[in-house]
């Protein structure tokens, strides 16, 4: 989508602090972090939410999950622990309607966080 902020980040039109990227996903630091380490992972191809996961092929789906572990390793939080969260829909707090995964860690996380 031309006007989707995450699509524009994936295309390199909007700067972001990238942590990881491959042919299927882009991972970048959240601009409003909810934890000391907070990275957002998006598929390069636009789908609105987890409800449209089947619009991504199996490689794209697996890449999202694989990137969570890769990002956690790069951020040095695999041993201490990290949270993986996906907000799906307005009532769940999804503010950008492009499927994205949050990887949070780097300290004790609140039960109510993300």
C-alpha atoms as a PDB file:
ATOM      1  CA  UNK A   1       0.000   0.000   0.000  1.00  0.00           C
ATOM      2  CA  UNK A   2       1.380   3.361  -0.981  1.00  0.00           C
ATOM      3  CA  UNK A   3       0.322   5.270   2.149  1.00  0.00           C
ATOM      4  CA  UNK A   4       1.076   2.586   4.783  1.00  0.00           C
ATOM      5  CA  UNK A   5       3.897   3.796   7.037  1.00  0.00           C
ATOM      6  CA  UNK A   6       5.258   0.276   7.524  1.00  0.00           C
ATOM      7  CA  UNK A   7       5.219  -0.398   3.773  1.00  0.00           C
ATOM      8  CA  UNK A   8       7.160   2.832   3.309  1.00  0.00           C
ATOM      9  CA  UNK A   9       9.702   1.728   5.943  1.00  0.00           C
ATOM     10  CA  UNK A  10      10.031  -1.652   4.197  1.00  0.00           C
ATOM     11  CA  UNK A  11      10.687   0.127   0.877  1.00  0.00           C
ATOM     12  CA  UNK A  12      13.296   2.391   2.501  1.00  0.00           C
ATOM     13  CA  UNK A  13      11.268   5.572   1.930  1.00  0.00           C
ATOM     14  CA  UNK A  14      11.085   6.384   5.651  1.00  0.00           C
ATOM     15  CA  UNK A  15      14.181   5.993   7.813  1.00  0.00           C
ATOM     16  CA  UNK A  16      14.137   3.470  10.634  1.00  0.00           C
ATOM     17  CA  UNK A  17      16.805   1.962  12.842  1.00  0.00           C
ATOM     18  CA  UNK A  18      16.937  -1.509  11.356  1.00  0.00           C
ATOM     19  CA  UNK A  19      17.949  -4.440  13.518  1.00  0.00           C
ATOM     20  CA  UNK A  20      17.419  -7.174  10.931  1.00  0.00           C
ATOM     21  CA  UNK A  21      16.090  -7.623   7.423  1.00  0.00           C
ATOM     22  CA  UNK A  22      15.877 -10.307   4.793  1.00  0.00           C
ATOM     23  CA  UNK A  23      13.882 -10.885   1.626  1.00  0.00           C
ATOM     24  CA  UNK A  24      10.640 -11.377   3.597  1.00  0.00           C
ATOM     25  CA  UNK A  25      10.770  -9.183   6.716  1.00  0.00           C
ATOM     26  CA  UNK A  26      12.182  -5.978   8.166  1.00  0.00           C
ATOM     27  CA  UNK A  27      12.855  -5.469  11.882  1.00  0.00           C
ATOM     28  CA  UNK A  28      13.410  -2.010  13.361  1.00  0.00           C
ATOM     29  CA  UNK A  29      13.410  -0.259  16.731  1.00  0.00           C
ATOM     30  CA  UNK A  30      10.046   1.010  17.930  1.00  0.00           C
ATOM     31  CA  UNK A  31       9.956   4.825  18.073  1.00  0.00           C
ATOM     32  CA  UNK A  32       7.921   4.685  21.320  1.00  0.00           C
ATOM     33  CA  UNK A  33       9.523   1.757  23.153  1.00  0.00           C
ATOM     34  CA  UNK A  34       7.612   0.022  25.931  1.00  0.00           C
ATOM     35  CA  UNK A  35      10.709  -1.821  27.164  1.00  0.00           C
ATOM     36  CA  UNK A  36      14.479  -1.249  27.137  1.00  0.00           C
ATOM     37  CA  UNK A  37      14.609  -3.421  24.007  1.00  0.00           C
ATOM     38  CA  UNK A  38      11.573  -3.015  21.717  1.00  0.00           C
ATOM     39  CA  UNK A  39      11.773  -4.084  18.096  1.00  0.00           C
ATOM     40  CA  UNK A  40       8.965  -4.253  15.529  1.00  0.00           C
ATOM     41  CA  UNK A  41       9.059  -6.938  12.840  1.00  0.00           C
ATOM     42  CA  UNK A  42       6.966  -6.561   9.686  1.00  0.00           C
ATOM     43  CA  UNK A  43       6.489  -8.610   6.542  1.00  0.00           C
ATOM     44  CA  UNK A  44       7.695  -6.705   3.484  1.00  0.00           C
ATOM     45  CA  UNK A  45       4.388  -7.496   1.780  1.00  0.00           C
ATOM     46  CA  UNK A  46       1.349  -5.715   3.161  1.00  0.00           C
ATOM     47  CA  UNK A  47      -1.333  -7.590   5.058  1.00  0.00           C
ATOM     48  CA  UNK A  48      -3.549  -5.713   7.492  1.00  0.00           C
ATOM     49  CA  UNK A  49      -3.337  -8.017  10.500  1.00  0.00           C
ATOM     50  CA  UNK A  50      -2.864 -11.539  11.775  1.00  0.00           C
ATOM     51  CA  UNK A  51      -6.374 -12.253  10.462  1.00  0.00           C
ATOM     52  CA  UNK A  52      -4.871 -12.114   6.950  1.00  0.00           C
ATOM     53  CA  UNK A  53      -1.868 -14.320   7.699  1.00  0.00           C
ATOM     54  CA  UNK A  54      -2.957 -16.775   4.999  1.00  0.00           C
ATOM     55  CA  UNK A  55      -2.300 -14.063   2.384  1.00  0.00           C
ATOM     56  CA  UNK A  56       1.411 -14.489   3.108  1.00  0.00           C
ATOM     57  CA  UNK A  57       3.105 -17.566   1.726  1.00  0.00           C
ATOM     58  CA  UNK A  58       4.689 -20.132   4.043  1.00  0.00           C
ATOM     59  CA  UNK A  59       8.170 -18.641   3.630  1.00  0.00           C
ATOM     60  CA  UNK A  60       6.904 -15.209   4.659  1.00  0.00           C
ATOM     61  CA  UNK A  61       5.024 -16.637   7.628  1.00  0.00           C
ATOM     62  CA  UNK A  62       8.019 -18.613   8.842  1.00  0.00           C
ATOM     63  CA  UNK A  63      10.299 -15.612   8.330  1.00  0.00           C
ATOM     64  CA  UNK A  64       8.209 -13.583  10.816  1.00  0.00           C
ATOM     65  CA  UNK A  65       8.629 -16.232  13.491  1.00  0.00           C
ATOM     66  CA  UNK A  66      12.290 -16.821  12.717  1.00  0.00           C
ATOM     67  CA  UNK A  67      12.977 -13.081  12.889  1.00  0.00           C
ATOM     68  CA  UNK A  68      11.628 -12.972  16.456  1.00  0.00           C
ATOM     69  CA  UNK A  69      14.361 -15.332  17.627  1.00  0.00           C
ATOM     70  CA  UNK A  70      17.017 -13.680  15.471  1.00  0.00           C
ATOM     71  CA  UNK A  71      16.133 -10.236  16.842  1.00  0.00           C
ATOM     72  CA  UNK A  72      16.153 -11.521  20.429  1.00  0.00           C
ATOM     73  CA  UNK A  73      19.613 -12.970  19.834  1.00  0.00           C
ATOM     74  CA  UNK A  74      20.870  -9.732  18.249  1.00  0.00           C
ATOM     75  CA  UNK A  75      19.466  -7.723  21.171  1.00  0.00           C
ATOM     76  CA  UNK A  76      21.110 -10.044  23.717  1.00  0.00           C
ATOM     77  CA  UNK A  77      17.850 -10.959  25.458  1.00  0.00           C
ATOM     78  CA  UNK A  78      17.482 -14.677  24.752  1.00  0.00           C
ATOM     79  CA  UNK A  79      18.879 -15.726  28.120  1.00  0.00           C
ATOM     80  CA  UNK A  80      17.057 -13.182  30.297  1.00  0.00           C
ATOM     81  CA  UNK A  81      13.783 -13.562  28.419  1.00  0.00           C
ATOM     82  CA  UNK A  82      11.630 -11.621  26.015  1.00  0.00           C
ATOM     83  CA  UNK A  83       8.011 -11.160  25.007  1.00  0.00           C
ATOM     84  CA  UNK A  84       6.572 -11.567  21.517  1.00  0.00           C
ATOM     85  CA  UNK A  85       3.261  -9.753  20.982  1.00  0.00           C
ATOM     86  CA  UNK A  86       0.887  -9.195  18.086  1.00  0.00           C
ATOM     87  CA  UNK A  87      -1.997  -6.761  18.441  1.00  0.00           C
ATOM     88  CA  UNK A  88      -4.807  -7.713  16.076  1.00  0.00           C
ATOM     89  CA  UNK A  89      -7.489  -5.088  15.460  1.00  0.00           C
ATOM     90  CA  UNK A  90      -8.456  -1.778  16.998  1.00  0.00           C
ATOM     91  CA  UNK A  91      -9.804  -3.193  20.274  1.00  0.00           C
ATOM     92  CA  UNK A  92      -6.497  -4.980  20.837  1.00  0.00           C
ATOM     93  CA  UNK A  93      -4.521  -1.771  20.349  1.00  0.00           C
ATOM     94  CA  UNK A  94      -3.331  -2.246  16.777  1.00  0.00           C
ATOM     95  CA  UNK A  95      -2.567   1.305  15.645  1.00  0.00           C
ATOM     96  CA  UNK A  96      -0.845   0.554  12.328  1.00  0.00           C
ATOM     97  CA  UNK A  97      -2.865  -1.742  10.104  1.00  0.00           C
ATOM     98  CA  UNK A  98       0.054  -3.684   8.691  1.00  0.00           C
ATOM     99  CA  UNK A  99       0.778  -6.987  10.419  1.00  0.00           C
ATOM    100  CA  UNK A 100       3.606  -6.479  12.883  1.00  0.00           C
ATOM    101  CA  UNK A 101       5.204  -8.369  15.742  1.00  0.00           C
ATOM    102  CA  UNK A 102       6.669  -6.708  18.830  1.00  0.00           C
ATOM    103  CA  UNK A 103       9.751  -8.215  20.486  1.00  0.00           C
ATOM    104  CA  UNK A 104      10.223  -6.721  23.955  1.00  0.00           C
ATOM    105  CA  UNK A 105      12.844  -7.386  26.622  1.00  0.00           C
ATOM    106  CA  UNK A 106      15.904  -6.044  28.328  1.00  0.00           C
ATOM    107  CA  UNK A 107      14.388  -5.924  31.809  1.00  0.00           C
ATOM    108  CA  UNK A 108      11.534  -7.200  33.954  1.00  0.00           C
ATOM    109  CA  UNK A 109       8.349  -6.744  31.923  1.00  0.00           C
ATOM    110  CA  UNK A 110       5.009  -5.766  33.408  1.00  0.00           C
ATOM    111  CA  UNK A 111       2.154  -8.217  33.068  1.00  0.00           C
ATOM    112  CA  UNK A 112       0.103  -5.396  31.510  1.00  0.00           C
ATOM    113  CA  UNK A 113       2.717  -4.354  28.963  1.00  0.00           C
ATOM    114  CA  UNK A 114       1.995  -4.665  25.220  1.00  0.00           C
END
